[in-house]
Amino acid sequence: MITEIGITAGDIWHYLDVHGKSSLKDITRGISKGHDTVLMSIGWLAREGHVVVEGASPNYEVYLRR
């Protein structure tokens, strides 16, 4: 599972690099991964300081920290 989370984190990073600030819904659709895996991967990226998560559930928006 940790490998899948890491791969998905990379997919999310690339998606955000191309699309900029995006909702969780857009990210999940854009990379064709499960909602839970996307959430875990965003948590990983946030913990490592790569992304910023703003807003309130269910309307979170995510973007790359520059």
PDB file of N, CA and C in Angstrom:
ATOM      1  N   MET A   1       0.820  -1.194   0.000  1.00  0.00           N
ATOM      2  CA  MET A   1       0.000   0.000   0.000  1.00  0.00           C
ATOM      3  C   MET A   1       0.867   1.263   0.000  1.00  0.00           C
ATOM      4  N   ILE A   2       1.970   1.236   0.723  1.00  0.00           N
ATOM      5  CA  ILE A   2       2.831   2.416   0.799  1.00  0.00           C
ATOM      6  C   ILE A   2       3.382   2.770  -0.581  1.00  0.00           C
ATOM      7  N   THR A   3       3.641   1.773  -1.404  1.00  0.00           N
ATOM      8  CA  THR A   3       4.124   2.030  -2.759  1.00  0.00           C
ATOM      9  C   THR A   3       3.058   2.732  -3.578  1.00  0.00           C
ATOM     10  N   GLU A   4       1.808   2.272  -3.468  1.00  0.00           N
ATOM     11  CA  GLU A   4       0.702   2.886  -4.205  1.00  0.00           C
ATOM     12  C   GLU A   4       0.493   4.339  -3.766  1.00  0.00           C
ATOM     13  N   ILE A   5       0.612   4.598  -2.466  1.00  0.00           N
ATOM     14  CA  ILE A   5       0.470   5.966  -1.951  1.00  0.00           C
ATOM     15  C   ILE A   5       1.574   6.853  -2.521  1.00  0.00           C
ATOM     16  N   GLY A   6       2.799   6.347  -2.558  1.00  0.00           N
ATOM     17  CA  GLY A   6       3.919   7.113  -3.103  1.00  0.00           C
ATOM     18  C   GLY A   6       3.773   7.395  -4.582  1.00  0.00           C
ATOM     19  N   ILE A   7       3.344   6.411  -5.339  1.00  0.00           N
ATOM     20  CA  ILE A   7       3.130   6.596  -6.775  1.00  0.00           C
ATOM     21  C   ILE A   7       2.024   7.613  -7.012  1.00  0.00           C
ATOM     22  N   THR A   8       0.946   7.497  -6.240  1.00  0.00           N
ATOM     23  CA  THR A   8      -0.172   8.436  -6.366  1.00  0.00           C
ATOM     24  C   THR A   8       0.262   9.842  -5.979  1.00  0.00           C
ATOM     25  N   ALA A   9       1.112   9.972  -4.968  1.00  0.00           N
ATOM     26  CA  ALA A   9       1.635  11.289  -4.584  1.00  0.00           C
ATOM     27  C   ALA A   9       2.380  11.917  -5.760  1.00  0.00           C
ATOM     28  N   GLY A  10       3.160  11.139  -6.465  1.00  0.00           N
ATOM     29  CA  GLY A  10       3.856  11.641  -7.653  1.00  0.00           C
ATOM     30  C   GLY A  10       2.882  12.059  -8.742  1.00  0.00           C
ATOM     31  N   ASP A  11       1.834  11.264  -8.940  1.00  0.00           N
ATOM     32  CA  ASP A  11       0.807  11.606  -9.932  1.00  0.00           C
ATOM     33  C   ASP A  11       0.120  12.927  -9.564  1.00  0.00           C
ATOM     34  N   ILE A  12      -0.169  13.097  -8.272  1.00  0.00           N
ATOM     35  CA  ILE A  12      -0.814  14.331  -7.809  1.00  0.00           C
ATOM     36  C   ILE A  12       0.108  15.520  -8.028  1.00  0.00           C
ATOM     37  N   TRP A  13       1.381  15.362  -7.687  1.00  0.00           N
ATOM     38  CA  TRP A  13       2.347  16.451  -7.873  1.00  0.00           C
ATOM     39  C   TRP A  13       2.369  16.890  -9.340  1.00  0.00           C
ATOM     40  N   HIS A  14       2.446  15.923 -10.246  1.00  0.00           N
ATOM     41  CA  HIS A  14       2.480  16.250 -11.677  1.00  0.00           C
ATOM     42  C   HIS A  14       1.166  16.904 -12.121  1.00  0.00           C
ATOM     43  N   TYR A  15       0.039  16.403 -11.628  1.00  0.00           N
ATOM     44  CA  TYR A  15      -1.260  16.978 -11.965  1.00  0.00           C
ATOM     45  C   TYR A  15      -1.314  18.442 -11.524  1.00  0.00           C
ATOM     46  N   LEU A  16      -0.910  18.707 -10.291  1.00  0.00           N
ATOM     47  CA  LEU A  16      -0.946  20.080  -9.775  1.00  0.00           C
ATOM     48  C   LEU A  16       0.041  20.988 -10.497  1.00  0.00           C
ATOM     49  N   ASP A  17       1.167  20.454 -10.919  1.00  0.00           N
ATOM     50  CA  ASP A  17       2.157  21.228 -11.662  1.00  0.00           C
ATOM     51  C   ASP A  17       1.564  21.727 -12.978  1.00  0.00           C
ATOM     52  N   VAL A  18       0.720  20.918 -13.597  1.00  0.00           N
ATOM     53  CA  VAL A  18       0.095  21.280 -14.875  1.00  0.00           C
ATOM     54  C   VAL A  18      -1.163  22.128 -14.661  1.00  0.00           C
ATOM     55  N   HIS A  19      -2.001  21.747 -13.695  1.00  0.00           N
ATOM     56  CA  HIS A  19      -3.324  22.363 -13.545  1.00  0.00           C
ATOM     57  C   HIS A  19      -3.413  23.450 -12.477  1.00  0.00           C
ATOM     58  N   GLY A  20      -2.441  23.562 -11.618  1.00  0.00           N
ATOM     59  CA  GLY A  20      -2.503  24.554 -10.545  1.00  0.00           C
ATOM     60  C   GLY A  20      -3.503  24.156  -9.470  1.00  0.00           C
ATOM     61  N   LYS A  21      -3.966  25.139  -8.706  1.00  0.00           N
ATOM     62  CA  LYS A  21      -4.876  24.887  -7.588  1.00  0.00           C
ATOM     63  C   LYS A  21      -6.087  24.084  -8.062  1.00  0.00           C
ATOM     64  N   SER A  22      -6.363  22.973  -7.368  1.00  0.00           N
ATOM     65  CA  SER A  22      -7.420  22.056  -7.782  1.00  0.00           C
ATOM     66  C   SER A  22      -8.178  21.520  -6.584  1.00  0.00           C
ATOM     67  N   SER A  23      -9.425  21.165  -6.804  1.00  0.00           N
ATOM     68  CA  SER A  23     -10.233  20.541  -5.760  1.00  0.00           C
ATOM     69  C   SER A  23      -9.876  19.060  -5.660  1.00  0.00           C
ATOM     70  N   LEU A  24     -10.225  18.462  -4.529  1.00  0.00           N
ATOM     71  CA  LEU A  24     -10.001  17.020  -4.366  1.00  0.00           C
ATOM     72  C   LEU A  24     -10.739  16.238  -5.445  1.00  0.00           C
ATOM     73  N   LYS A  25     -11.941  16.678  -5.760  1.00  0.00           N
ATOM     74  CA  LYS A  25     -12.748  16.009  -6.782  1.00  0.00           C
ATOM     75  C   LYS A  25     -12.031  16.032  -8.131  1.00  0.00           C
ATOM     76  N   ASP A  26     -11.489  17.189  -8.508  1.00  0.00           N
ATOM     77  CA  ASP A  26     -10.776  17.313  -9.781  1.00  0.00           C
ATOM     78  C   ASP A  26      -9.515  16.454  -9.806  1.00  0.00           C
ATOM     79  N   ILE A  27      -8.788  16.442  -8.696  1.00  0.00           N
ATOM     80  CA  ILE A  27      -7.567  15.633  -8.630  1.00  0.00           C
ATOM     81  C   ILE A  27      -7.912  14.157  -8.763  1.00  0.00           C
ATOM     82  N   THR A  28      -8.916  13.702  -8.024  1.00  0.00           N
ATOM     83  CA  THR A  28      -9.305  12.283  -8.061  1.00  0.00           C
ATOM     84  C   THR A  28      -9.712  11.875  -9.469  1.00  0.00           C
ATOM     85  N   ARG A  29     -10.485  12.709 -10.133  1.00  0.00           N
ATOM     86  CA  ARG A  29     -10.887  12.421 -11.522  1.00  0.00           C
ATOM     87  C   ARG A  29      -9.704  12.509 -12.472  1.00  0.00           C
ATOM     88  N   GLY A  30      -8.863  13.512 -12.269  1.00  0.00           N
ATOM     89  CA  GLY A  30      -7.756  13.772 -13.184  1.00  0.00           C
ATOM     90  C   GLY A  30      -6.689  12.702 -13.203  1.00  0.00           C
ATOM     91  N   ILE A  31      -6.488  12.029 -12.071  1.00  0.00           N
ATOM     92  CA  ILE A  31      -5.449  10.994 -12.034  1.00  0.00           C
ATOM     93  C   ILE A  31      -6.038   9.588 -11.981  1.00  0.00           C
ATOM     94  N   SER A  32      -7.371   9.491 -11.954  1.00  0.00           N
ATOM     95  CA  SER A  32      -8.076   8.193 -11.969  1.00  0.00           C
ATOM     96  C   SER A  32      -7.616   7.257 -10.854  1.00  0.00           C
ATOM     97  N   LYS A  33      -7.599   7.775  -9.639  1.00  0.00           N
ATOM     98  CA  LYS A  33      -7.244   6.972  -8.456  1.00  0.00           C
ATOM     99  C   LYS A  33      -8.399   7.044  -7.465  1.00  0.00           C
ATOM    100  N   GLY A  34      -8.440   6.119  -6.543  1.00  0.00           N
ATOM    101  CA  GLY A  34      -9.475   6.094  -5.528  1.00  0.00           C
ATOM    102  C   GLY A  34      -9.373   7.263  -4.561  1.00  0.00           C
ATOM    103  N   HIS A  35     -10.525   7.682  -4.043  1.00  0.00           N
ATOM    104  CA  HIS A  35     -10.598   8.826  -3.139  1.00  0.00           C
ATOM    105  C   HIS A  35      -9.697   8.647  -1.910  1.00  0.00           C
ATOM    106  N   ASP A  36      -9.737   7.478  -1.277  1.00  0.00           N
ATOM    107  CA  ASP A  36      -8.932   7.231  -0.078  1.00  0.00           C
ATOM    108  C   ASP A  36      -7.438   7.314  -0.369  1.00  0.00           C
ATOM    109  N   THR A  37      -7.022   6.745  -1.488  1.00  0.00           N
ATOM    110  CA  THR A  37      -5.609   6.782  -1.857  1.00  0.00           C
ATOM    111  C   THR A  37      -5.170   8.216  -2.128  1.00  0.00           C
ATOM    112  N   VAL A  38      -6.021   9.000  -2.780  1.00  0.00           N
ATOM    113  CA  VAL A  38      -5.711  10.408  -3.041  1.00  0.00           C
ATOM    114  C   VAL A  38      -5.550  11.161  -1.724  1.00  0.00           C
ATOM    115  N   LEU A  39      -6.459  10.930  -0.772  1.00  0.00           N
ATOM    116  CA  LEU A  39      -6.363  11.610   0.519  1.00  0.00           C
ATOM    117  C   LEU A  39      -5.069  11.255   1.253  1.00  0.00           C
ATOM    118  N   MET A  40      -4.723   9.970   1.264  1.00  0.00           N
ATOM    119  CA  MET A  40      -3.485   9.561   1.929  1.00  0.00           C
ATOM    120  C   MET A  40      -2.264  10.180   1.248  1.00  0.00           C
ATOM    121  N   SER A  41      -2.282  10.243  -0.063  1.00  0.00           N
ATOM    122  CA  SER A  41      -1.156  10.795  -0.814  1.00  0.00           C
ATOM    123  C   SER A  41      -1.026  12.297  -0.611  1.00  0.00           C
ATOM    124  N   ILE A  42      -2.153  13.001  -0.544  1.00  0.00           N
ATOM    125  CA  ILE A  42      -2.111  14.438  -0.274  1.00  0.00           C
ATOM    126  C   ILE A  42      -1.573  14.680   1.138  1.00  0.00           C
ATOM    127  N   GLY A  43      -1.961  13.824   2.077  1.00  0.00           N
ATOM    128  CA  GLY A  43      -1.413  13.929   3.430  1.00  0.00           C
ATOM    129  C   GLY A  43       0.091  13.766   3.433  1.00  0.00           C
ATOM    130  N   TRP A  44       0.578  12.816   2.664  1.00  0.00           N
ATOM    131  CA  TRP A  44       2.022  12.590   2.544  1.00  0.00           C
ATOM    132  C   TRP A  44       2.694  13.849   1.984  1.00  0.00           C
ATOM    133  N   LEU A  45       2.151  14.370   0.890  1.00  0.00           N
ATOM    134  CA  LEU A  45       2.729  15.567   0.276  1.00  0.00           C
ATOM    135  C   LEU A  45       2.669  16.771   1.210  1.00  0.00           C
ATOM    136  N   ALA A  46       1.574  16.905   1.946  1.00  0.00           N
ATOM    137  CA  ALA A  46       1.431  18.020   2.889  1.00  0.00           C
ATOM    138  C   ALA A  46       2.440  17.895   4.023  1.00  0.00           C
ATOM    139  N   ARG A  47       2.603  16.701   4.548  1.00  0.00           N
ATOM    140  CA  ARG A  47       3.545  16.473   5.649  1.00  0.00           C
ATOM    141  C   ARG A  47       4.972  16.803   5.231  1.00  0.00           C
ATOM    142  N   GLU A  48       5.297  16.522   3.993  1.00  0.00           N
ATOM    143  CA  GLU A  48       6.640  16.812   3.493  1.00  0.00           C
ATOM    144  C   GLU A  48       6.788  18.250   2.993  1.00  0.00           C
ATOM    145  N   GLY A  49       5.703  19.033   3.083  1.00  0.00           N
ATOM    146  CA  GLY A  49       5.770  20.443   2.720  1.00  0.00           C
ATOM    147  C   GLY A  49       5.677  20.742   1.240  1.00  0.00           C
ATOM    148  N   HIS A  50       5.201  19.790   0.450  1.00  0.00           N
ATOM    149  CA  HIS A  50       5.136  19.985  -0.999  1.00  0.00           C
ATOM    150  C   HIS A  50       3.835  20.633  -1.466  1.00  0.00           C
ATOM    151  N   VAL A  51       2.762  20.482  -0.675  1.00  0.00           N
ATOM    152  CA  VAL A  51       1.479  21.051  -1.074  1.00  0.00           C
ATOM    153  C   VAL A  51       0.860  21.840   0.076  1.00  0.00           C
ATOM    154  N   VAL A  52      -0.062  22.711  -0.295  1.00  0.00           N
ATOM    155  CA  VAL A  52      -0.870  23.457   0.664  1.00  0.00           C
ATOM    156  C   VAL A  52      -2.308  23.004   0.468  1.00  0.00           C
ATOM    157  N   VAL A  53      -3.006  22.752   1.568  1.00  0.00           N
ATOM    158  CA  VAL A  53      -4.413  22.365   1.523  1.00  0.00           C
ATOM    159  C   VAL A  53      -5.208  23.486   2.183  1.00  0.00           C
ATOM    160  N   GLU A  54      -6.189  24.020   1.460  1.00  0.00           N
ATOM    161  CA  GLU A  54      -7.004  25.121   1.964  1.00  0.00           C
ATOM    162  C   GLU A  54      -8.478  24.754   1.892  1.00  0.00           C
ATOM    163  N   GLY A  55      -9.286  25.495   2.647  1.00  0.00           N
ATOM    164  CA  GLY A  55     -10.728  25.317   2.591  1.00  0.00           C
ATOM    165  C   GLY A  55     -11.230  24.378   3.670  1.00  0.00           C
ATOM    166  N   ALA A  56     -12.480  24.022   3.525  1.00  0.00           N
ATOM    167  CA  ALA A  56     -13.138  23.139   4.484  1.00  0.00           C
ATOM    168  C   ALA A  56     -13.812  21.994   3.736  1.00  0.00           C
ATOM    169  N   SER A  57     -13.968  20.897   4.426  1.00  0.00           N
ATOM    170  CA  SER A  57     -14.603  19.721   3.846  1.00  0.00           C
ATOM    171  C   SER A  57     -16.019  20.052   3.396  1.00  0.00           C
ATOM    172  N   PRO A  58     -16.475  19.605   2.290  1.00  0.00           N
ATOM    173  CA  PRO A  58     -15.807  18.745   1.306  1.00  0.00           C
ATOM    174  C   PRO A  58     -15.124  19.531   0.185  1.00  0.00           C
ATOM    175  N   ASN A  59     -14.929  20.817   0.371  1.00  0.00           N
ATOM    176  CA  ASN A  59     -14.429  21.672  -0.705  1.00  0.00           C
ATOM    177  C   ASN A  59     -12.961  22.052  -0.563  1.00  0.00           C
ATOM    178  N   TYR A  60     -12.133  21.108  -0.138  1.00  0.00           N
ATOM    179  CA  TYR A  60     -10.709  21.385  -0.026  1.00  0.00           C
ATOM    180  C   TYR A  60     -10.121  21.693  -1.392  1.00  0.00           C
ATOM    181  N   GLU A  61      -9.153  22.597  -1.404  1.00  0.00           N
ATOM    182  CA  GLU A  61      -8.373  22.874  -2.608  1.00  0.00           C
ATOM    183  C   GLU A  61      -6.905  22.657  -2.258  1.00  0.00           C
ATOM    184  N   VAL A  62      -6.165  22.149  -3.236  1.00  0.00           N
ATOM    185  CA  VAL A  62      -4.772  21.783  -3.033  1.00  0.00           C
ATOM    186  C   VAL A  62      -3.935  22.451  -4.114  1.00  0.00           C
ATOM    187  N   TYR A  63      -2.761  22.941  -3.725  1.00  0.00           N
ATOM    188  CA  TYR A  63      -1.837  23.482  -4.714  1.00  0.00           C
ATOM    189  C   TYR A  63      -0.407  23.257  -4.231  1.00  0.00           C
ATOM    190  N   LEU A  64       0.517  23.302  -5.194  1.00  0.00           N
ATOM    191  CA  LEU A  64       1.936  23.096  -4.885  1.00  0.00           C
ATOM    192  C   LEU A  64       2.484  24.294  -4.135  1.00  0.00           C
ATOM    193  N   ARG A  65       3.284  24.019  -3.136  1.00  0.00           N
ATOM    194  CA  ARG A  65       4.004  25.081  -2.409  1.00  0.00           C
ATOM    195  C   ARG A  65       5.203  25.460  -3.277  1.00  0.00           C
ATOM    196  N   ARG A  66       5.341  26.722  -3.585  1.00  0.00           N
ATOM    197  CA  ARG A  66       6.445  27.188  -4.442  1.00  0.00           C
ATOM    198  C   ARG A  66       7.495  27.879  -3.639  1.00  0.00           C
TER     199      ARG A  66
END
